[in-house]
N, C-alpha and C. Protein backbone atom coordinates (compact mmCIF):
# COMPACT_ATOMS: atom_id res chain seq x y z
N MET A 1 0.83 -1.24 -0.02
CA MET A 1 -0.07 0.04 0.02
C MET A 1 0.83 1.27 -0.02
N ASN A 2 1.91 1.26 0.81
CA ASN A 2 2.88 2.43 0.84
C ASN A 2 3.48 2.69 -0.50
N ARG A 3 3.83 1.63 -1.19
CA ARG A 3 4.43 1.76 -2.58
C ARG A 3 3.41 2.47 -3.49
N ILE A 4 2.12 2.07 -3.44
CA ILE A 4 1.11 2.66 -4.32
C ILE A 4 1.01 4.16 -3.99
N ILE A 5 1.11 4.53 -2.81
CA ILE A 5 0.98 5.95 -2.44
C ILE A 5 2.21 6.74 -3.04
N ARG A 6 3.41 6.10 -2.88
CA ARG A 6 4.59 6.76 -3.41
C ARG A 6 4.51 6.90 -4.94
N ILE A 7 4.05 5.86 -5.57
CA ILE A 7 4.00 5.93 -7.07
C ILE A 7 2.86 6.97 -7.45
N THR A 8 1.87 7.04 -6.74
CA THR A 8 0.74 8.05 -7.10
C THR A 8 1.32 9.44 -6.85
N ALA A 9 2.05 9.58 -5.75
CA ALA A 9 2.62 10.94 -5.46
C ALA A 9 3.64 11.38 -6.50
N ALA A 10 4.46 10.48 -6.97
CA ALA A 10 5.47 10.70 -7.99
C ALA A 10 4.77 11.05 -9.33
N LEU A 11 3.68 10.38 -9.62
CA LEU A 11 2.98 10.60 -10.88
C LEU A 11 2.31 12.03 -10.88
N ALA A 12 1.69 12.34 -9.69
CA ALA A 12 1.07 13.60 -9.49
C ALA A 12 2.08 14.78 -9.67
N LEU A 13 3.26 14.57 -9.06
CA LEU A 13 4.34 15.59 -9.19
C LEU A 13 4.80 15.71 -10.61
N THR A 14 4.88 14.57 -11.29
CA THR A 14 5.42 14.68 -12.76
C THR A 14 4.36 15.48 -13.49
N VAL A 15 3.06 15.12 -13.42
CA VAL A 15 2.00 15.74 -14.19
C VAL A 15 1.92 17.26 -13.78
N GLY A 16 2.15 17.56 -12.53
CA GLY A 16 2.13 18.98 -12.11
C GLY A 16 3.26 19.77 -12.73
N LEU A 17 4.41 19.19 -12.75
CA LEU A 17 5.59 19.86 -13.34
C LEU A 17 5.39 20.11 -14.83
N ALA A 18 4.85 19.09 -15.55
CA ALA A 18 4.61 19.22 -16.95
C ALA A 18 3.54 20.31 -17.19
N THR A 19 2.49 20.32 -16.42
CA THR A 19 1.46 21.37 -16.59
C THR A 19 2.02 22.71 -16.37
N GLY A 20 2.89 22.86 -15.29
CA GLY A 20 3.51 24.17 -15.00
C GLY A 20 4.41 24.67 -16.10
N THR A 21 5.09 23.69 -16.73
CA THR A 21 5.96 24.14 -17.79
C THR A 21 5.23 24.59 -19.02
N LEU A 22 4.04 23.90 -19.29
CA LEU A 22 3.21 24.40 -20.42
C LEU A 22 2.64 25.77 -20.16
N ALA A 23 2.25 26.01 -18.87
CA ALA A 23 1.64 27.29 -18.51
C ALA A 23 2.71 28.34 -18.61
N ALA A 24 3.88 28.08 -18.17
CA ALA A 24 4.99 29.08 -18.15
C ALA A 24 5.40 29.37 -19.65
N GLY A 25 5.24 28.43 -20.51
CA GLY A 25 5.65 28.56 -21.87
C GLY A 25 4.52 29.00 -22.82
N GLY A 26 3.43 29.56 -22.15
CA GLY A 26 2.27 30.05 -22.93
C GLY A 26 2.72 31.04 -23.96
N ALA A 27 2.01 31.04 -25.08
CA ALA A 27 2.32 31.96 -26.20
C ALA A 27 1.71 33.30 -25.98
N ALA A 28 2.52 34.27 -25.61
CA ALA A 28 2.01 35.66 -25.36
C ALA A 28 1.78 36.25 -26.79
N ILE A 29 0.69 37.04 -26.82
CA ILE A 29 0.23 37.70 -28.03
C ILE A 29 0.39 39.23 -27.82
N SER A 30 1.01 39.97 -28.74
CA SER A 30 1.10 41.38 -28.58
C SER A 30 -0.08 42.15 -29.22
N GLY A 31 -0.59 43.10 -28.55
CA GLY A 31 -1.81 43.77 -29.10
C GLY A 31 -1.92 45.15 -28.54
N GLU A 32 -3.01 45.73 -28.94
CA GLU A 32 -3.44 47.08 -28.46
C GLU A 32 -4.89 47.04 -28.17
N VAL A 33 -5.21 47.70 -27.01
CA VAL A 33 -6.55 47.78 -26.56
C VAL A 33 -7.32 48.82 -27.43
N LYS A 34 -8.38 48.42 -28.03
CA LYS A 34 -9.20 49.35 -28.85
C LYS A 34 -10.42 49.79 -28.08
N LYS A 35 -11.05 48.85 -27.33
CA LYS A 35 -12.31 49.19 -26.63
C LYS A 35 -12.45 48.31 -25.44
N ILE A 36 -13.06 48.79 -24.38
CA ILE A 36 -13.37 48.02 -23.18
C ILE A 36 -14.88 48.08 -22.86
N ASP A 37 -15.49 47.00 -22.63
CA ASP A 37 -16.91 46.87 -22.22
C ASP A 37 -16.95 46.15 -20.89
N GLU A 38 -16.79 46.97 -19.81
CA GLU A 38 -16.78 46.33 -18.45
C GLU A 38 -18.06 45.67 -18.16
N GLY A 39 -19.16 46.22 -18.60
CA GLY A 39 -20.50 45.68 -18.18
C GLY A 39 -20.65 44.21 -18.77
N ALA A 40 -20.08 44.09 -20.05
CA ALA A 40 -20.22 42.71 -20.66
C ALA A 40 -19.03 41.82 -20.39
N GLY A 41 -17.96 42.40 -19.77
CA GLY A 41 -16.81 41.62 -19.46
C GLY A 41 -16.05 41.33 -20.70
N LYS A 42 -15.95 42.27 -21.69
CA LYS A 42 -15.28 42.04 -22.92
C LYS A 42 -14.33 43.17 -23.23
N ILE A 43 -13.31 42.79 -24.11
CA ILE A 43 -12.32 43.77 -24.47
C ILE A 43 -12.03 43.55 -26.05
N THR A 44 -11.86 44.64 -26.75
CA THR A 44 -11.56 44.52 -28.13
C THR A 44 -10.07 44.76 -28.30
N LEU A 45 -9.41 43.86 -28.91
CA LEU A 45 -7.94 43.91 -29.07
C LEU A 45 -7.54 43.82 -30.54
N LYS A 46 -6.70 44.69 -30.94
CA LYS A 46 -5.98 44.64 -32.27
C LYS A 46 -4.72 43.95 -32.03
N HIS A 47 -4.44 42.83 -32.69
CA HIS A 47 -3.25 42.08 -32.42
C HIS A 47 -2.62 41.44 -33.58
N GLY A 48 -1.37 41.07 -33.41
CA GLY A 48 -0.66 40.35 -34.45
C GLY A 48 -1.09 38.95 -34.48
N PRO A 49 -0.30 38.07 -35.21
CA PRO A 49 -0.54 36.67 -35.28
C PRO A 49 -0.70 36.06 -33.90
N ALA A 50 -1.63 35.11 -33.77
CA ALA A 50 -1.88 34.45 -32.46
C ALA A 50 -1.82 32.90 -32.85
N LYS A 51 -0.65 32.40 -33.08
CA LYS A 51 -0.50 31.04 -33.45
C LYS A 51 -1.07 30.07 -32.46
N SER A 52 -1.07 30.43 -31.15
CA SER A 52 -1.62 29.48 -30.16
C SER A 52 -3.13 29.37 -30.26
N LEU A 53 -3.75 30.36 -30.99
CA LEU A 53 -5.20 30.24 -31.32
C LEU A 53 -5.57 29.91 -32.73
N GLY A 54 -4.44 29.58 -33.51
CA GLY A 54 -4.67 29.23 -34.93
C GLY A 54 -4.91 30.45 -35.84
N MET A 55 -4.52 31.60 -35.36
CA MET A 55 -4.70 32.85 -36.12
C MET A 55 -3.38 33.23 -36.68
N GLU A 56 -3.26 33.15 -37.99
CA GLU A 56 -1.97 33.44 -38.63
C GLU A 56 -1.84 34.88 -39.05
N GLU A 57 -2.93 35.61 -39.20
CA GLU A 57 -2.90 37.05 -39.67
C GLU A 57 -3.26 37.97 -38.49
N PRO A 58 -2.75 39.21 -38.54
CA PRO A 58 -3.13 40.25 -37.58
C PRO A 58 -4.61 40.48 -37.76
N MET A 59 -5.35 40.82 -36.66
CA MET A 59 -6.72 41.18 -36.75
C MET A 59 -7.20 41.88 -35.51
N THR A 60 -8.37 42.38 -35.54
CA THR A 60 -9.07 43.02 -34.35
C THR A 60 -10.21 42.12 -33.95
N MET A 61 -10.32 41.80 -32.71
CA MET A 61 -11.30 40.93 -32.19
C MET A 61 -11.85 41.29 -30.86
N VAL A 62 -13.04 40.86 -30.56
CA VAL A 62 -13.65 41.08 -29.23
C VAL A 62 -13.43 39.74 -28.49
N TYR A 63 -12.87 39.90 -27.29
CA TYR A 63 -12.63 38.78 -26.41
C TYR A 63 -13.43 38.86 -25.05
N ARG A 64 -13.75 37.77 -24.56
CA ARG A 64 -14.27 37.80 -23.11
C ARG A 64 -12.99 37.81 -22.25
N VAL A 65 -13.13 38.19 -20.97
CA VAL A 65 -11.96 38.09 -20.11
C VAL A 65 -12.34 37.17 -18.92
N LYS A 66 -11.33 36.40 -18.59
CA LYS A 66 -11.48 35.41 -17.50
C LYS A 66 -11.83 36.10 -16.14
N ASP A 67 -11.16 37.23 -15.94
CA ASP A 67 -11.34 38.04 -14.70
C ASP A 67 -11.59 39.49 -15.07
N THR A 68 -12.74 40.03 -14.70
CA THR A 68 -13.03 41.42 -15.13
C THR A 68 -12.11 42.45 -14.51
N ALA A 69 -11.36 42.05 -13.45
CA ALA A 69 -10.47 42.99 -12.85
C ALA A 69 -9.34 43.44 -13.87
N MET A 70 -9.11 42.52 -14.85
CA MET A 70 -8.11 42.84 -15.94
C MET A 70 -8.58 44.09 -16.67
N LEU A 71 -9.88 44.32 -16.85
CA LEU A 71 -10.29 45.46 -17.57
C LEU A 71 -10.06 46.84 -16.88
N LYS A 72 -9.83 46.81 -15.57
CA LYS A 72 -9.57 48.01 -14.84
C LYS A 72 -8.19 48.39 -14.90
N GLN A 73 -7.26 47.53 -15.38
CA GLN A 73 -5.80 47.77 -15.42
C GLN A 73 -5.38 48.43 -16.80
N VAL A 74 -6.26 48.48 -17.74
CA VAL A 74 -5.91 48.96 -19.04
C VAL A 74 -6.92 50.00 -19.56
N LYS A 75 -6.58 50.78 -20.59
CA LYS A 75 -7.50 51.69 -21.19
C LYS A 75 -7.30 51.64 -22.76
N ALA A 76 -8.24 52.16 -23.48
CA ALA A 76 -8.06 52.15 -24.92
C ALA A 76 -6.74 52.84 -25.31
N GLY A 77 -6.00 52.24 -26.27
CA GLY A 77 -4.75 52.81 -26.73
C GLY A 77 -3.52 52.06 -26.01
N ASP A 78 -3.70 51.40 -24.90
CA ASP A 78 -2.62 50.78 -24.20
C ASP A 78 -2.09 49.60 -25.01
N LYS A 79 -0.78 49.40 -25.09
CA LYS A 79 -0.23 48.25 -25.72
C LYS A 79 -0.17 47.17 -24.60
N VAL A 80 -0.50 45.92 -24.97
CA VAL A 80 -0.56 44.82 -24.05
C VAL A 80 0.09 43.58 -24.57
N THR A 81 0.44 42.64 -23.71
CA THR A 81 0.67 41.30 -24.06
C THR A 81 -0.40 40.45 -23.39
N PHE A 82 -0.88 39.37 -24.02
CA PHE A 82 -1.93 38.61 -23.41
C PHE A 82 -1.88 37.18 -23.92
N GLU A 83 -2.54 36.42 -23.16
CA GLU A 83 -2.75 34.95 -23.47
C GLU A 83 -4.26 34.73 -23.56
N ALA A 84 -4.67 33.84 -24.45
CA ALA A 84 -6.10 33.57 -24.60
C ALA A 84 -6.29 32.20 -24.90
N GLU A 85 -7.49 31.69 -24.68
CA GLU A 85 -7.84 30.31 -25.09
C GLU A 85 -9.22 30.35 -25.68
N GLU A 86 -9.41 29.25 -26.53
CA GLU A 86 -10.68 29.14 -27.14
C GLU A 86 -11.56 28.22 -26.33
N ALA A 87 -12.89 28.68 -26.09
CA ALA A 87 -13.83 27.86 -25.33
C ALA A 87 -15.10 27.84 -26.14
N ALA A 88 -16.03 27.02 -25.61
CA ALA A 88 -17.32 26.96 -26.34
C ALA A 88 -17.99 28.25 -26.50
N SER A 89 -17.82 29.16 -25.54
CA SER A 89 -18.48 30.48 -25.60
C SER A 89 -17.65 31.47 -26.38
N GLY A 90 -16.50 31.10 -26.90
CA GLY A 90 -15.80 32.07 -27.65
C GLY A 90 -14.30 32.12 -27.21
N TYR A 91 -13.59 33.13 -27.54
CA TYR A 91 -12.23 33.35 -27.12
C TYR A 91 -12.17 34.11 -25.84
N THR A 92 -11.33 33.73 -24.91
CA THR A 92 -11.26 34.35 -23.60
C THR A 92 -9.79 34.65 -23.27
N VAL A 93 -9.58 35.89 -22.84
CA VAL A 93 -8.29 36.29 -22.33
C VAL A 93 -8.09 35.80 -20.95
N THR A 94 -7.02 35.07 -20.78
CA THR A 94 -6.78 34.43 -19.50
C THR A 94 -5.76 35.11 -18.73
N ARG A 95 -4.88 35.90 -19.41
CA ARG A 95 -3.84 36.69 -18.73
C ARG A 95 -3.53 37.88 -19.64
N MET A 96 -3.25 39.07 -18.96
CA MET A 96 -2.95 40.30 -19.68
C MET A 96 -2.15 41.25 -18.87
N GLU A 97 -1.25 41.86 -19.46
CA GLU A 97 -0.43 42.92 -18.80
C GLU A 97 0.00 43.97 -19.83
N LYS A 98 0.20 45.18 -19.29
CA LYS A 98 0.65 46.25 -20.15
C LYS A 98 2.04 45.91 -20.69
N ALA A 99 2.27 46.20 -21.99
CA ALA A 99 3.57 46.01 -22.60
C ALA A 99 4.56 46.95 -22.00
N LYS A 100 5.81 46.53 -21.94
CA LYS A 100 6.81 47.33 -21.30
C LYS A 100 7.65 48.04 -22.41
């Protein structure tokens, strides 16, 4: 029984490390804030290619945000880097920060 617990713990650690590596290596997308709709929890971003989302060409799109607090940190015209994911409800920004 003790051996099963150790194997399970080792497997959990391995999966956790692999997941952390993927998250840390997320593909940041460069963009510019065009519009913010706090009431709807959405942001319009003009951005370059977003290969992590299968978008090869630059475009302007409306995204949902995972956390509406992100919308209070930026304003129209700000340059940002962000990460997003595709969900059944559309594309969602999962992380965003002002570009340096």
